[in-house]
Amino acid sequence: MSAITVQTGARLHFGLLAVQAASGRNFGGVGLMVQSPGCELSVEAADRDACSAESEMLARLSAWRDEYRRRCPAEHRPPTCLIHLSRAMPSHSGLGSGTQTALALAAALAQLGDEDNVATTELARRVGRGARSALGIHGFECGGLLVEGGKRNPDDISPLVARLDLPENWRVLLVTPNDRRGLSGDAERAAFSRLTPMPVSLTESLCRIVLMELLPAVASGDFPSAAAALQEFGQLNGTHFTPVQGGIFADPQMADLAKSLMDCGGVGVGQSSWGPTLWVLCQDEAEAIRCREKIAAHPLARACTIHLTAARNSGVATLARAWAK
């Protein structure tokens, strides 16, 4: 069997819909898959298990591989293999790098184990993803703008309840500090444990924005309304997380940069997940280039990577038929 290669994009997380809900579903949320940054990973049979990646990812790749083998059907357990992560996205930056990389590995291992058409939710279960958000799981499968409905039980994977293509001409700027990271792992779990339940009134406001403003605006190609809805959604969401992240934005420098962009008339600015990455929605390529130049000239962005990308409106799962055996 030749090497099996999987390429993914990144996941932006605009915010949750419920936290510690007293009744009904918990979590839920809104996100978007973008073309880049992304990861590229290949797997091929080998005489012994080995991983080729930057040091930070070696242990995680090995752990995901071992967990996959424990959870997959015995008759489809993949053989010893070489895993090569040739392109990685920034870790713990709000871009969903863990889930996208883990799912890319799981999809490749399924092919290596001669197992076709495995549901993405099952791949996620085999590598232990989806503890809270499932946006990256659904985004891996189908791309686009995504709304998930939340969990009734902790072991559930939150269902996808709405999905739309983002207009092809819209663009997204990502601004990521090079020397700071968002919450993850134990620190993220501790942050959630310190949060109070999200007020029902806030959940209702967030749901109204999504259903009555964001989705109709995207469906009709109404950029100003979509950008305003996303910004409002992020600002309201951030108010609930202020006690654990210090403000609506987790990173003070990124908060100041976002305020500067908004003060200059920018609409469609927010934080992805725990940050520190900022996203900026732009109407087209020309606007995105102008905005990128403005951000690059700003003193607060000197130690940041500014990335221009577009929505990824298709999923990685559609590539399964092209993987070689």
C-alpha atoms as a PDB file:
ATOM      1  CA  MET A   1       0.000   0.000   0.000  1.00  0.00           C
ATOM      2  CA  SER A   2       1.364   3.439  -0.872  1.00  0.00           C
ATOM      3  CA  ALA A   3       1.347   6.313   1.603  1.00  0.00           C
ATOM      4  CA  ILE A   4      -2.098   7.663   2.492  1.00  0.00           C
ATOM      5  CA  THR A   5      -2.149  11.457   2.674  1.00  0.00           C
ATOM      6  CA  VAL A   6      -4.829  13.603   4.302  1.00  0.00           C
ATOM      7  CA  GLN A   7      -5.033  17.398   4.154  1.00  0.00           C
ATOM      8  CA  THR A   8      -7.226  19.507   6.417  1.00  0.00           C
ATOM      9  CA  GLY A   9      -8.068  23.147   6.992  1.00  0.00           C
ATOM     10  CA  ALA A  10      -8.532  25.027  10.259  1.00  0.00           C
ATOM     11  CA  ARG A  11     -11.621  25.454  12.436  1.00  0.00           C
ATOM     12  CA  LEU A  12     -12.758  28.835  13.729  1.00  0.00           C
ATOM     13  CA  HIS A  13     -14.982  28.711  16.807  1.00  0.00           C
ATOM     14  CA  PHE A  14     -17.180  31.785  17.234  1.00  0.00           C
ATOM     15  CA  GLY A  15     -18.613  30.766  20.612  1.00  0.00           C
ATOM     16  CA  LEU A  16     -20.837  28.466  22.646  1.00  0.00           C
ATOM     17  CA  LEU A  17     -24.607  28.571  23.037  1.00  0.00           C
ATOM     18  CA  ALA A  18     -24.911  27.197  26.584  1.00  0.00           C
ATOM     19  CA  VAL A  19     -22.613  26.532  29.541  1.00  0.00           C
ATOM     20  CA  GLN A  20     -23.645  24.344  32.496  1.00  0.00           C
ATOM     21  CA  ALA A  21     -27.246  24.440  31.306  1.00  0.00           C
ATOM     22  CA  ALA A  22     -29.725  23.525  34.055  1.00  0.00           C
ATOM     23  CA  SER A  23     -31.907  21.727  31.528  1.00  0.00           C
ATOM     24  CA  GLY A  24     -31.817  20.765  27.877  1.00  0.00           C
ATOM     25  CA  ARG A  25     -28.597  20.620  25.926  1.00  0.00           C
ATOM     26  CA  ASN A  26     -25.172  21.892  26.959  1.00  0.00           C
ATOM     27  CA  PHE A  27     -22.495  23.609  24.882  1.00  0.00           C
ATOM     28  CA  GLY A  28     -23.521  23.813  21.212  1.00  0.00           C
ATOM     29  CA  GLY A  29     -21.916  26.505  19.134  1.00  0.00           C
ATOM     30  CA  VAL A  30     -21.097  28.182  15.839  1.00  0.00           C
ATOM     31  CA  GLY A  31     -17.960  27.808  13.738  1.00  0.00           C
ATOM     32  CA  LEU A  32     -16.431  27.971  10.290  1.00  0.00           C
ATOM     33  CA  MET A  33     -13.923  25.837   8.425  1.00  0.00           C
ATOM     34  CA  VAL A  34     -11.243  27.771   6.527  1.00  0.00           C
ATOM     35  CA  GLN A  35      -8.808  26.616   3.863  1.00  0.00           C
ATOM     36  CA  SER A  36      -5.650  27.435   5.769  1.00  0.00           C
ATOM     37  CA  PRO A  37      -3.627  27.183   7.894  1.00  0.00           C
ATOM     38  CA  GLY A  38      -4.077  23.446   7.883  1.00  0.00           C
ATOM     39  CA  CYS A  39      -2.255  20.209   8.345  1.00  0.00           C
ATOM     40  CA  GLU A  40      -0.981  17.579   5.958  1.00  0.00           C
ATOM     41  CA  LEU A  41      -0.368  14.108   7.318  1.00  0.00           C
ATOM     42  CA  SER A  42       0.641  10.834   5.687  1.00  0.00           C
ATOM     43  CA  VAL A  43       0.666   7.263   6.974  1.00  0.00           C
ATOM     44  CA  GLU A  44       2.300   4.193   5.460  1.00  0.00           C
ATOM     45  CA  ALA A  45       2.937   0.645   6.627  1.00  0.00           C
ATOM     46  CA  ALA A  46       6.387   0.125   8.134  1.00  0.00           C
ATOM     47  CA  ASP A  47       8.415  -2.483  10.025  1.00  0.00           C
ATOM     48  CA  ARG A  48       7.908  -0.561  13.276  1.00  0.00           C
ATOM     49  CA  ASP A  49       5.880   2.350  14.571  1.00  0.00           C
ATOM     50  CA  ALA A  50       7.500   5.751  14.116  1.00  0.00           C
ATOM     51  CA  CYS A  51       6.445   9.390  13.899  1.00  0.00           C
ATOM     52  CA  SER A  52       8.023  12.242  12.007  1.00  0.00           C
ATOM     53  CA  ALA A  53       6.925  15.656  13.270  1.00  0.00           C
ATOM     54  CA  GLU A  54       8.023  18.599  15.349  1.00  0.00           C
ATOM     55  CA  SER A  55       8.808  17.528  18.918  1.00  0.00           C
ATOM     56  CA  GLU A  56       5.618  19.051  20.363  1.00  0.00           C
ATOM     57  CA  MET A  57       3.421  16.763  18.248  1.00  0.00           C
ATOM     58  CA  LEU A  58       5.317  13.494  18.564  1.00  0.00           C
ATOM     59  CA  ALA A  59       3.748  12.368  21.838  1.00  0.00           C
ATOM     60  CA  ARG A  60       0.245  13.403  20.746  1.00  0.00           C
ATOM     61  CA  LEU A  61       0.469  11.527  17.436  1.00  0.00           C
ATOM     62  CA  SER A  62       1.680   8.388  19.217  1.00  0.00           C
ATOM     63  CA  ALA A  63      -1.101   8.639  21.807  1.00  0.00           C
ATOM     64  CA  TRP A  64      -3.802   9.105  19.147  1.00  0.00           C
ATOM     65  CA  ARG A  65      -2.424   6.156  17.133  1.00  0.00           C
ATOM     66  CA  ASP A  66      -2.419   3.894  20.203  1.00  0.00           C
ATOM     67  CA  GLU A  67      -5.900   4.973  21.270  1.00  0.00           C
ATOM     68  CA  TYR A  68      -7.192   4.395  17.742  1.00  0.00           C
ATOM     69  CA  ARG A  69      -5.858   0.838  17.783  1.00  0.00           C
ATOM     70  CA  ARG A  70      -7.519   0.138  21.133  1.00  0.00           C
ATOM     71  CA  ARG A  71     -10.914   1.352  19.942  1.00  0.00           C
ATOM     72  CA  CYS A  72     -11.126   0.148  16.352  1.00  0.00           C
ATOM     73  CA  PRO A  73     -12.452  -3.318  15.363  1.00  0.00           C
ATOM     74  CA  ALA A  74      -9.780  -5.977  15.795  1.00  0.00           C
ATOM     75  CA  GLU A  75     -10.107  -7.123  12.196  1.00  0.00           C
ATOM     76  CA  HIS A  76      -9.309  -3.592  10.979  1.00  0.00           C
ATOM     77  CA  ARG A  77      -6.500  -2.772  13.422  1.00  0.00           C
ATOM     78  CA  PRO A  78      -3.855  -0.940  11.361  1.00  0.00           C
ATOM     79  CA  PRO A  79      -0.366  -2.446  11.183  1.00  0.00           C
ATOM     80  CA  THR A  80       2.803  -0.807  12.432  1.00  0.00           C
ATOM     81  CA  CYS A  81       3.305   2.372  10.472  1.00  0.00           C
ATOM     82  CA  LEU A  82       5.216   5.551   9.856  1.00  0.00           C
ATOM     83  CA  ILE A  83       3.267   8.756  10.528  1.00  0.00           C
ATOM     84  CA  HIS A  84       4.645  11.885   8.888  1.00  0.00           C
ATOM     85  CA  LEU A  85       3.170  15.283   9.760  1.00  0.00           C
ATOM     86  CA  SER A  86       4.547  17.365   6.907  1.00  0.00           C
ATOM     87  CA  ARG A  87       2.527  20.513   7.655  1.00  0.00           C
ATOM     88  CA  ALA A  88       1.134  21.533  11.026  1.00  0.00           C
ATOM     89  CA  MET A  89      -0.983  24.462  12.114  1.00  0.00           C
ATOM     90  CA  PRO A  90      -0.245  26.491  15.277  1.00  0.00           C
ATOM     91  CA  SER A  91      -1.224  24.604  18.430  1.00  0.00           C
ATOM     92  CA  HIS A  92      -3.462  26.078  21.140  1.00  0.00           C
ATOM     93  CA  SER A  93      -4.249  29.163  19.079  1.00  0.00           C
ATOM     94  CA  GLY A  94      -8.006  28.755  18.627  1.00  0.00           C
ATOM     95  CA  LEU A  95      -7.732  27.027  15.242  1.00  0.00           C
ATOM     96  CA  GLY A  96      -8.770  23.490  16.190  1.00  0.00           C
ATOM     97  CA  SER A  97      -5.347  21.987  15.465  1.00  0.00           C
ATOM     98  CA  GLY A  98      -5.771  19.032  17.836  1.00  0.00           C
ATOM     99  CA  THR A  99      -9.052  17.781  16.416  1.00  0.00           C
ATOM    100  CA  GLN A 100      -8.083  18.315  12.782  1.00  0.00           C
ATOM    101  CA  THR A 101      -4.746  16.536  13.188  1.00  0.00           C
ATOM    102  CA  ALA A 102      -6.264  13.683  15.214  1.00  0.00           C
ATOM    103  CA  LEU A 103      -9.053  13.165  12.677  1.00  0.00           C
ATOM    104  CA  ALA A 104      -6.609  13.283   9.772  1.00  0.00           C
ATOM    105  CA  LEU A 105      -4.632  10.529  11.482  1.00  0.00           C
ATOM    106  CA  ALA A 106      -7.764   8.507  12.245  1.00  0.00           C
ATOM    107  CA  ALA A 107      -8.979   8.752   8.640  1.00  0.00           C
ATOM    108  CA  ALA A 108      -5.603   7.595   7.347  1.00  0.00           C
ATOM    109  CA  LEU A 109      -5.410   4.730   9.862  1.00  0.00           C
ATOM    110  CA  ALA A 110      -8.885   3.559   8.824  1.00  0.00           C
ATOM    111  CA  GLN A 111      -7.673   3.325   5.227  1.00  0.00           C
ATOM    112  CA  LEU A 112      -4.491   1.592   6.343  1.00  0.00           C
ATOM    113  CA  GLY A 113      -6.644  -0.930   8.200  1.00  0.00           C
ATOM    114  CA  ASP A 114      -8.660  -1.537   5.014  1.00  0.00           C
ATOM    115  CA  GLU A 115     -11.799  -0.007   6.497  1.00  0.00           C
ATOM    116  CA  ASP A 116     -13.924   2.164   4.205  1.00  0.00           C
ATOM    117  CA  ASN A 117     -16.719   4.654   4.902  1.00  0.00           C
ATOM    118  CA  VAL A 118     -16.151   5.048   8.631  1.00  0.00           C
ATOM    119  CA  ALA A 119     -18.372   7.820  10.007  1.00  0.00           C
ATOM    120  CA  THR A 120     -16.446  10.901  11.090  1.00  0.00           C
ATOM    121  CA  THR A 121     -18.118  10.728  14.508  1.00  0.00           C
ATOM    122  CA  GLU A 122     -16.741   7.191  14.892  1.00  0.00           C
ATOM    123  CA  LEU A 123     -13.262   8.345  13.863  1.00  0.00           C
ATOM    124  CA  ALA A 124     -13.528  11.066  16.512  1.00  0.00           C
ATOM    125  CA  ARG A 125     -14.527   8.531  19.158  1.00  0.00           C
ATOM    126  CA  ARG A 126     -11.521   6.357  18.318  1.00  0.00           C
ATOM    127  CA  VAL A 127      -9.109   9.240  18.988  1.00  0.00           C
ATOM    128  CA  GLY A 128     -11.020  10.741  21.913  1.00  0.00           C
ATOM    129  CA  ARG A 129     -12.245  14.009  20.371  1.00  0.00           C
ATOM    130  CA  GLY A 130     -15.567  15.834  20.899  1.00  0.00           C
ATOM    131  CA  ALA A 131     -15.554  16.235  24.701  1.00  0.00           C
ATOM    132  CA  ARG A 132     -17.266  19.609  24.372  1.00  0.00           C
ATOM    133  CA  SER A 133     -17.399  21.067  20.871  1.00  0.00           C
ATOM    134  CA  ALA A 134     -18.016  18.944  17.780  1.00  0.00           C
ATOM    135  CA  LEU A 135     -17.606  21.776  15.273  1.00  0.00           C
ATOM    136  CA  GLY A 136     -14.196  20.495  14.202  1.00  0.00           C
ATOM    137  CA  ILE A 137     -15.607  16.990  13.748  1.00  0.00           C
ATOM    138  CA  HIS A 138     -18.473  18.120  11.537  1.00  0.00           C
ATOM    139  CA  GLY A 139     -16.208  20.588   9.756  1.00  0.00           C
ATOM    140  CA  PHE A 140     -13.749  17.832   8.927  1.00  0.00           C
ATOM    141  CA  GLU A 141     -16.576  15.935   7.245  1.00  0.00           C
ATOM    142  CA  CYS A 142     -18.448  18.670   5.393  1.00  0.00           C
ATOM    143  CA  GLY A 143     -16.769  22.089   5.805  1.00  0.00           C
ATOM    144  CA  GLY A 144     -18.687  25.367   5.702  1.00  0.00           C
ATOM    145  CA  LEU A 145     -20.403  27.498   8.337  1.00  0.00           C
ATOM    146  CA  LEU A 146     -21.631  25.161  11.067  1.00  0.00           C
ATOM    147  CA  VAL A 147     -24.083  25.230  13.966  1.00  0.00           C
ATOM    148  CA  GLU A 148     -24.058  22.347  16.442  1.00  0.00           C
ATOM    149  CA  GLY A 149     -26.957  21.644  18.805  1.00  0.00           C
ATOM    150  CA  GLY A 150     -25.197  20.720  22.045  1.00  0.00           C
ATOM    151  CA  LYS A 151     -25.085  17.618  24.232  1.00  0.00           C
ATOM    152  CA  ARG A 152     -27.738  15.985  26.381  1.00  0.00           C
ATOM    153  CA  ASN A 153     -25.186  13.542  27.839  1.00  0.00           C
ATOM    154  CA  PRO A 154     -21.444  14.058  28.414  1.00  0.00           C
ATOM    155  CA  ASP A 155     -20.517  11.150  26.137  1.00  0.00           C
ATOM    156  CA  ASP A 156     -22.573  12.437  23.207  1.00  0.00           C
ATOM    157  CA  ILE A 157     -21.064  14.097  20.166  1.00  0.00           C
ATOM    158  CA  SER A 158     -23.045  17.271  19.618  1.00  0.00           C
ATOM    159  CA  PRO A 159     -25.197  16.969  16.457  1.00  0.00           C
ATOM    160  CA  LEU A 160     -24.884  19.248  13.462  1.00  0.00           C
ATOM    161  CA  VAL A 161     -28.149  21.217  13.133  1.00  0.00           C
ATOM    162  CA  ALA A 162     -27.317  23.731  10.399  1.00  0.00           C
ATOM    163  CA  ARG A 163     -24.684  24.079   7.684  1.00  0.00           C
ATOM    164  CA  LEU A 164     -24.198  26.647   4.919  1.00  0.00           C
ATOM    165  CA  ASP A 165     -21.545  27.398   2.328  1.00  0.00           C
ATOM    166  CA  LEU A 166     -19.922  30.747   2.969  1.00  0.00           C
ATOM    167  CA  PRO A 167     -19.956  32.857  -0.233  1.00  0.00           C
ATOM    168  CA  GLU A 168     -16.867  32.069  -2.308  1.00  0.00           C
ATOM    169  CA  ASN A 169     -15.697  35.682  -2.572  1.00  0.00           C
ATOM    170  CA  TRP A 170     -15.708  36.375   1.190  1.00  0.00           C
ATOM    171  CA  ARG A 171     -12.340  36.232   2.909  1.00  0.00           C
ATOM    172  CA  VAL A 172     -11.061  35.775   6.458  1.00  0.00           C
ATOM    173  CA  LEU A 173      -7.983  37.324   8.033  1.00  0.00           C
ATOM    174  CA  LEU A 174      -6.435  35.493  10.985  1.00  0.00           C
ATOM    175  CA  VAL A 175      -4.130  37.364  13.359  1.00  0.00           C
ATOM    176  CA  THR A 176      -2.175  35.049  15.668  1.00  0.00           C
ATOM    177  CA  PRO A 177       0.477  36.142  18.204  1.00  0.00           C
ATOM    178  CA  ASN A 178       3.698  34.234  17.675  1.00  0.00           C
ATOM    179  CA  ASP A 179       4.619  34.000  21.355  1.00  0.00           C
ATOM    180  CA  ARG A 180       1.338  33.389  23.218  1.00  0.00           C
ATOM    181  CA  ARG A 181      -1.210  30.580  23.393  1.00  0.00           C
ATOM    182  CA  GLY A 182      -4.797  29.998  24.418  1.00  0.00           C
ATOM    183  CA  LEU A 183      -6.103  27.613  27.053  1.00  0.00           C
ATOM    184  CA  SER A 184      -6.007  23.867  26.481  1.00  0.00           C
ATOM    185  CA  GLY A 185      -5.933  20.595  28.376  1.00  0.00           C
ATOM    186  CA  ASP A 186      -6.080  20.818  32.176  1.00  0.00           C
ATOM    187  CA  ALA A 187      -6.113  24.626  32.111  1.00  0.00           C
ATOM    188  CA  GLU A 188      -9.149  24.611  29.825  1.00  0.00           C
ATOM    189  CA  ARG A 189     -10.974  22.086  32.019  1.00  0.00           C
ATOM    190  CA  ALA A 190     -10.205  24.191  35.087  1.00  0.00           C
ATOM    191  CA  ALA A 191     -11.545  27.303  33.355  1.00  0.00           C
ATOM    192  CA  PHE A 192     -14.841  25.582  32.547  1.00  0.00           C
ATOM    193  CA  SER A 193     -15.138  24.399  36.155  1.00  0.00           C
ATOM    194  CA  ARG A 194     -14.865  28.013  37.380  1.00  0.00           C
ATOM    195  CA  LEU A 195     -17.551  29.329  35.044  1.00  0.00           C
ATOM    196  CA  THR A 196     -21.037  29.971  36.366  1.00  0.00           C
ATOM    197  CA  PRO A 197     -24.020  28.691  34.353  1.00  0.00           C
ATOM    198  CA  MET A 198     -24.766  30.823  31.314  1.00  0.00           C
ATOM    199  CA  PRO A 199     -28.023  32.731  31.902  1.00  0.00           C
ATOM    200  CA  VAL A 200     -30.932  31.418  29.873  1.00  0.00           C
ATOM    201  CA  SER A 201     -31.505  34.955  28.610  1.00  0.00           C
ATOM    202  CA  LEU A 202     -27.985  35.016  27.126  1.00  0.00           C
ATOM    203  CA  THR A 203     -28.481  31.622  25.458  1.00  0.00           C
ATOM    204  CA  GLU A 204     -31.749  32.892  23.998  1.00  0.00           C
ATOM    205  CA  SER A 205     -30.048  36.048  22.657  1.00  0.00           C
ATOM    206  CA  LEU A 206     -27.248  34.024  21.094  1.00  0.00           C
ATOM    207  CA  CYS A 207     -29.697  31.610  19.478  1.00  0.00           C
ATOM    208  CA  ARG A 208     -31.717  34.520  18.094  1.00  0.00           C
ATOM    209  CA  ILE A 209     -28.597  36.031  16.513  1.00  0.00           C
ATOM    210  CA  VAL A 210     -27.690  32.721  14.890  1.00  0.00           C
ATOM    211  CA  LEU A 211     -31.131  31.740  13.640  1.00  0.00           C
ATOM    212  CA  MET A 212     -32.634  35.113  12.781  1.00  0.00           C
ATOM    213  CA  GLU A 213     -29.574  37.115  11.717  1.00  0.00           C
ATOM    214  CA  LEU A 214     -26.445  35.124  10.888  1.00  0.00           C
ATOM    215  CA  LEU A 215     -27.858  32.181   8.930  1.00  0.00           C
ATOM    216  CA  PRO A 216     -30.280  34.253   6.811  1.00  0.00           C
ATOM    217  CA  ALA A 217     -27.528  36.779   6.056  1.00  0.00           C
ATOM    218  CA  VAL A 218     -25.085  34.091   4.904  1.00  0.00           C
ATOM    219  CA  ALA A 219     -27.792  32.290   2.907  1.00  0.00           C
ATOM    220  CA  SER A 220     -28.622  35.494   1.031  1.00  0.00           C
ATOM    221  CA  GLY A 221     -25.030  36.713   0.645  1.00  0.00           C
ATOM    222  CA  ASP A 222     -25.671  39.776   2.813  1.00  0.00           C
ATOM    223  CA  PHE A 223     -22.122  40.477   3.969  1.00  0.00           C
ATOM    224  CA  PRO A 224     -22.721  43.535   6.214  1.00  0.00           C
ATOM    225  CA  SER A 225     -25.451  41.749   8.167  1.00  0.00           C
ATOM    226  CA  ALA A 226     -23.456  38.525   8.483  1.00  0.00           C
ATOM    227  CA  ALA A 227     -20.346  40.364   9.693  1.00  0.00           C
ATOM    228  CA  ALA A 228     -22.372  42.371  12.212  1.00  0.00           C
ATOM    229  CA  ALA A 229     -24.132  39.247  13.482  1.00  0.00           C
ATOM    230  CA  LEU A 230     -20.874  37.369  13.985  1.00  0.00           C
ATOM    231  CA  GLN A 231     -19.290  40.295  15.798  1.00  0.00           C
ATOM    232  CA  GLU A 232     -22.306  40.721  18.070  1.00  0.00           C
ATOM    233  CA  PHE A 233     -22.388  36.974  18.755  1.00  0.00           C
ATOM    234  CA  GLY A 234     -18.711  36.995  19.761  1.00  0.00           C
ATOM    235  CA  GLN A 235     -19.024  40.078  21.949  1.00  0.00           C
ATOM    236  CA  LEU A 236     -22.037  38.679  23.821  1.00  0.00           C
ATOM    237  CA  ASN A 237     -20.394  35.277  24.171  1.00  0.00           C
ATOM    238  CA  GLY A 238     -17.240  36.841  25.524  1.00  0.00           C
ATOM    239  CA  THR A 239     -19.114  38.529  28.363  1.00  0.00           C
ATOM    240  CA  HIS A 240     -19.785  35.138  29.935  1.00  0.00           C
ATOM    241  CA  PHE A 241     -16.125  34.103  29.735  1.00  0.00           C
ATOM    242  CA  THR A 242     -14.761  37.361  31.161  1.00  0.00           C
ATOM    243  CA  PRO A 243     -14.241  35.911  34.678  1.00  0.00           C
ATOM    244  CA  VAL A 244     -11.785  33.277  33.407  1.00  0.00           C
ATOM    245  CA  GLN A 245     -10.138  35.048  30.461  1.00  0.00           C
ATOM    246  CA  GLY A 246      -9.984  38.581  31.876  1.00  0.00           C
ATOM    247  CA  GLY A 247     -12.256  40.234  29.335  1.00  0.00           C
ATOM    248  CA  ILE A 248     -14.264  39.623  26.188  1.00  0.00           C
ATOM    249  CA  PHE A 249     -10.939  38.710  24.574  1.00  0.00           C
ATOM    250  CA  ALA A 250      -8.464  36.398  26.288  1.00  0.00           C
ATOM    251  CA  ASP A 251      -5.335  38.265  25.224  1.00  0.00           C
ATOM    252  CA  PRO A 252      -5.046  41.967  26.230  1.00  0.00           C
ATOM    253  CA  GLN A 253      -2.953  42.847  23.188  1.00  0.00           C
ATOM    254  CA  MET A 254      -5.421  41.209  20.829  1.00  0.00           C
ATOM    255  CA  ALA A 255      -8.266  42.949  22.685  1.00  0.00           C
ATOM    256  CA  ASP A 256      -6.618  46.312  22.042  1.00  0.00           C
ATOM    257  CA  LEU A 257      -6.021  45.449  18.394  1.00  0.00           C
ATOM    258  CA  ALA A 258      -9.665  44.365  17.969  1.00  0.00           C
ATOM    259  CA  LYS A 259     -10.855  47.629  19.573  1.00  0.00           C
ATOM    260  CA  SER A 260      -8.617  49.611  17.230  1.00  0.00           C
ATOM    261  CA  LEU A 261     -10.071  47.826  14.202  1.00  0.00           C
ATOM    262  CA  MET A 262     -13.634  48.402  15.417  1.00  0.00           C
ATOM    263  CA  ASP A 263     -12.924  52.062  16.163  1.00  0.00           C
ATOM    264  CA  CYS A 264     -11.788  52.451  12.558  1.00  0.00           C
ATOM    265  CA  GLY A 265     -15.126  51.139  11.328  1.00  0.00           C
ATOM    266  CA  GLY A 266     -14.286  47.440  11.112  1.00  0.00           C
ATOM    267  CA  VAL A 267     -17.306  45.159  11.434  1.00  0.00           C
ATOM    268  CA  GLY A 268     -16.780  41.411  11.646  1.00  0.00           C
ATOM    269  CA  VAL A 269     -14.006  41.067  14.225  1.00  0.00           C
ATOM    270  CA  GLY A 270     -13.787  38.444  16.950  1.00  0.00           C
ATOM    271  CA  GLN A 271     -11.823  35.800  18.817  1.00  0.00           C
ATOM    272  CA  SER A 272     -11.702  32.137  17.831  1.00  0.00           C
ATOM    273  CA  SER A 273     -12.301  29.767  20.757  1.00  0.00           C
ATOM    274  CA  TRP A 274      -9.990  30.684  23.675  1.00  0.00           C
ATOM    275  CA  GLY A 275      -7.807  32.685  21.303  1.00  0.00           C
ATOM    276  CA  PRO A 276      -5.434  34.277  21.061  1.00  0.00           C
ATOM    277  CA  THR A 277      -6.207  34.258  17.318  1.00  0.00           C
ATOM    278  CA  LEU A 278      -8.424  37.081  16.054  1.00  0.00           C
ATOM    279  CA  TRP A 279     -10.576  36.591  12.971  1.00  0.00           C
ATOM    280  CA  VAL A 280     -11.618  39.430  10.657  1.00  0.00           C
ATOM    281  CA  LEU A 281     -14.322  38.795   8.058  1.00  0.00           C
ATOM    282  CA  CYS A 282     -13.799  40.645   4.762  1.00  0.00           C
ATOM    283  CA  GLN A 283     -16.166  41.071   1.820  1.00  0.00           C
ATOM    284  CA  ASP A 284     -13.645  40.181  -0.892  1.00  0.00           C
ATOM    285  CA  GLU A 285      -9.968  39.726  -1.689  1.00  0.00           C
ATOM    286  CA  ALA A 286      -9.293  43.410  -2.275  1.00  0.00           C
ATOM    287  CA  GLU A 287     -10.793  44.413   1.062  1.00  0.00           C
ATOM    288  CA  ALA A 288      -8.864  41.640   2.799  1.00  0.00           C
ATOM    289  CA  ILE A 289      -5.572  42.844   1.307  1.00  0.00           C
ATOM    290  CA  ARG A 290      -6.262  46.428   2.416  1.00  0.00           C
ATOM    291  CA  CYS A 291      -7.189  45.252   5.885  1.00  0.00           C
ATOM    292  CA  ARG A 292      -4.116  43.032   6.093  1.00  0.00           C
ATOM    293  CA  GLU A 293      -1.891  45.997   5.265  1.00  0.00           C
ATOM    294  CA  LYS A 294      -3.605  48.109   7.921  1.00  0.00           C
ATOM    295  CA  ILE A 295      -3.142  45.401  10.549  1.00  0.00           C
ATOM    296  CA  ALA A 296       0.487  44.755   9.564  1.00  0.00           C
ATOM    297  CA  ALA A 297       1.266  48.446  10.110  1.00  0.00           C
ATOM    298  CA  HIS A 298      -0.288  48.446  13.581  1.00  0.00           C
ATOM    299  CA  PRO A 299       2.241  48.319  16.475  1.00  0.00           C
ATOM    300  CA  LEU A 300       0.174  45.694  18.290  1.00  0.00           C
ATOM    301  CA  ALA A 301       0.539  43.267  15.376  1.00  0.00           C
ATOM    302  CA  ARG A 302       4.326  43.374  15.067  1.00  0.00           C
ATOM    303  CA  ALA A 303       4.784  39.980  16.741  1.00  0.00           C
ATOM    304  CA  CYS A 304       1.844  38.356  14.967  1.00  0.00           C
ATOM    305  CA  THR A 305       1.311  36.170  11.926  1.00  0.00           C
ATOM    306  CA  ILE A 306      -1.402  37.564   9.640  1.00  0.00           C
ATOM    307  CA  HIS A 307      -2.982  34.942   7.443  1.00  0.00           C
ATOM    308  CA  LEU A 308      -5.414  35.586   4.565  1.00  0.00           C
ATOM    309  CA  THR A 309      -7.703  32.670   3.800  1.00  0.00           C
ATOM    310  CA  ALA A 310     -11.172  31.705   2.582  1.00  0.00           C
ATOM    311  CA  ALA A 311     -13.905  29.373   3.763  1.00  0.00           C
ATOM    312  CA  ARG A 312     -13.441  25.670   3.218  1.00  0.00           C
ATOM    313  CA  ASN A 313     -16.873  24.623   1.957  1.00  0.00           C
ATOM    314  CA  SER A 314     -16.091  20.938   1.465  1.00  0.00           C
ATOM    315  CA  GLY A 315     -14.973  18.236   3.814  1.00  0.00           C
ATOM    316  CA  VAL A 316     -11.938  16.012   4.002  1.00  0.00           C
ATOM    317  CA  ALA A 317     -14.154  12.902   3.957  1.00  0.00           C
ATOM    318  CA  THR A 318     -14.913  13.524   0.258  1.00  0.00           C
ATOM    319  CA  LEU A 319     -11.274  12.673  -0.506  1.00  0.00           C
ATOM    320  CA  ALA A 320     -11.588   9.088   0.731  1.00  0.00           C
ATOM    321  CA  ARG A 321     -12.165   7.659  -2.741  1.00  0.00           C
ATOM    322  CA  ALA A 322      -8.949   9.257  -3.956  1.00  0.00           C
ATOM    323  CA  TRP A 323      -6.712   7.719  -1.310  1.00  0.00           C
ATOM    324  CA  ALA A 324      -4.577   4.973  -2.766  1.00  0.00           C
ATOM    325  CA  LYS A 325      -4.511   1.405  -1.550  1.00  0.00           C
END
